[in-house]
Amino acid sequence: MTEETPTPVQSGPDVPPDHLAINPRSPFFDQDKLQRGIGIRFKGTVRTNVEEYSISEGWIRVQAGKSMDRHGNALTIKLMGPVEAWYEDIGDGAPVAKKD
């Protein structure tokens, strides 16, 4: 079975937002978009542990082990590099949001 690379697209109703977070306290949190399922490719590798991403700024945030801050939130680290996002509910050939 081969994995097809989705067609690059910048905007539209079936393209994920430029910036999205899974933390409900974040101003970039959007439950409706997250429920659709977001696929993230970072530096050419599909990632499943992304807490937040920004396509235009070229970074993702991932949890730093099991470390917690004093408020009980997971500590995260920012990784810089090319980011691509797509909705997983569309299936193969879904439009991809990425920085040109």
Protein backbone atom coordinates (compact mmCIF):
# COMPACT_ATOMS: atom_id res chain seq x y z
CA MET A 1 0.00 0.00 0.00
CA THR A 2 1.45 3.39 -0.96
CA GLU A 3 0.73 6.70 0.72
CA GLU A 4 -0.33 9.44 -1.68
CA THR A 5 0.81 13.00 -1.11
CA PRO A 6 -2.23 15.31 -0.87
CA THR A 7 -2.56 18.16 -3.37
CA PRO A 8 -1.14 21.50 -2.04
CA VAL A 9 -3.78 24.18 -1.41
CA GLN A 10 -3.59 27.38 0.67
CA SER A 11 -7.17 28.28 1.62
CA GLY A 12 -10.75 27.12 1.36
CA PRO A 13 -13.45 25.48 3.45
CA ASP A 14 -11.68 22.11 3.48
CA VAL A 15 -8.25 23.47 4.45
CA PRO A 16 -7.26 23.66 8.14
CA PRO A 17 -6.49 27.06 9.72
CA ASP A 18 -2.99 28.53 9.75
CA HIS A 19 -2.75 28.29 13.55
CA LEU A 20 -4.55 25.78 15.78
CA ALA A 21 -4.13 24.51 19.37
CA ILE A 22 -5.66 21.62 21.33
CA ASN A 23 -5.59 23.50 24.67
CA PRO A 24 -9.08 24.96 25.39
CA ARG A 25 -7.48 27.97 27.13
CA SER A 26 -5.67 29.01 23.94
CA PRO A 27 -7.13 31.73 21.70
CA PHE A 28 -6.32 29.38 18.77
CA PHE A 29 -8.52 26.53 20.09
CA ASP A 30 -11.44 25.52 17.81
CA GLN A 31 -13.38 22.43 18.87
CA ASP A 32 -15.26 22.07 15.56
CA LYS A 33 -12.08 21.98 13.51
CA LEU A 34 -10.36 19.59 15.91
CA GLN A 35 -13.29 17.15 15.82
CA ARG A 36 -12.79 16.74 12.07
CA GLY A 37 -9.29 15.42 12.74
CA ILE A 38 -6.16 17.30 11.68
CA GLY A 39 -3.21 15.56 10.08
CA ILE A 40 0.19 17.24 10.58
CA ARG A 41 3.34 16.66 8.57
CA PHE A 42 6.46 18.29 10.07
CA LYS A 43 9.74 18.18 8.16
CA GLY A 44 8.28 15.48 5.92
CA THR A 45 7.17 13.19 8.79
CA VAL A 46 3.56 12.71 9.90
CA ARG A 47 3.28 13.65 13.60
CA THR A 48 0.52 12.58 15.99
CA ASN A 49 1.73 14.34 19.15
CA VAL A 50 1.32 17.99 18.14
CA GLU A 51 -0.21 20.28 20.79
CA GLU A 52 -0.22 23.44 18.61
CA TYR A 53 1.01 24.47 15.19
CA SER A 54 1.53 27.54 13.01
CA ILE A 55 2.00 27.01 9.29
CA SER A 56 2.95 30.61 8.40
CA GLU A 57 5.51 30.86 11.22
CA GLY A 58 6.84 27.33 10.58
CA TRP A 59 6.64 25.65 14.00
CA ILE A 60 4.86 23.02 16.09
CA ARG A 61 4.63 22.53 19.85
CA VAL A 62 4.98 19.06 21.32
CA GLN A 63 4.87 17.83 24.90
CA ALA A 64 8.28 17.65 26.60
CA GLY A 65 8.08 14.20 28.16
CA LYS A 66 5.88 13.88 31.23
CA SER A 67 6.97 17.23 32.73
CA MET A 68 4.27 19.51 34.13
CA ASP A 69 4.31 23.17 35.08
CA ARG A 70 3.11 24.44 38.47
CA HIS A 71 -0.47 24.67 37.16
CA GLY A 72 -0.54 21.03 36.04
CA ASN A 73 -0.21 21.79 32.33
CA ALA A 74 2.15 19.77 30.17
CA LEU A 75 5.42 21.51 29.35
CA THR A 76 5.92 21.91 25.62
CA ILE A 77 8.82 22.64 23.32
CA LYS A 78 8.67 24.54 20.05
CA LEU A 79 10.20 22.84 17.01
CA MET A 80 10.94 24.95 13.95
CA GLY A 81 10.54 23.70 10.38
CA PRO A 82 8.08 23.33 7.50
CA VAL A 83 4.54 22.41 8.59
CA GLU A 84 1.68 20.98 6.49
CA ALA A 85 -1.87 20.33 7.75
CA TRP A 86 -4.97 18.64 6.33
CA TYR A 87 -8.35 17.39 7.51
CA GLU A 88 -8.30 13.64 8.00
CA ASP A 89 -12.07 13.22 7.57
CA ILE A 90 -11.81 13.99 3.84
CA GLY A 91 -9.64 10.96 3.11
CA ASP A 92 -6.91 10.49 0.50
CA GLY A 93 -6.18 13.50 -1.69
CA ALA A 94 -7.33 16.03 0.92
CA PRO A 95 -6.27 19.66 0.30
CA VAL A 96 -3.12 20.58 2.26
CA ALA A 97 -2.43 23.88 4.00
CA LYS A 98 1.25 24.73 3.76
CA LYS A 99 3.53 27.72 3.39
CA ASP A 100 4.67 28.27 -0.19
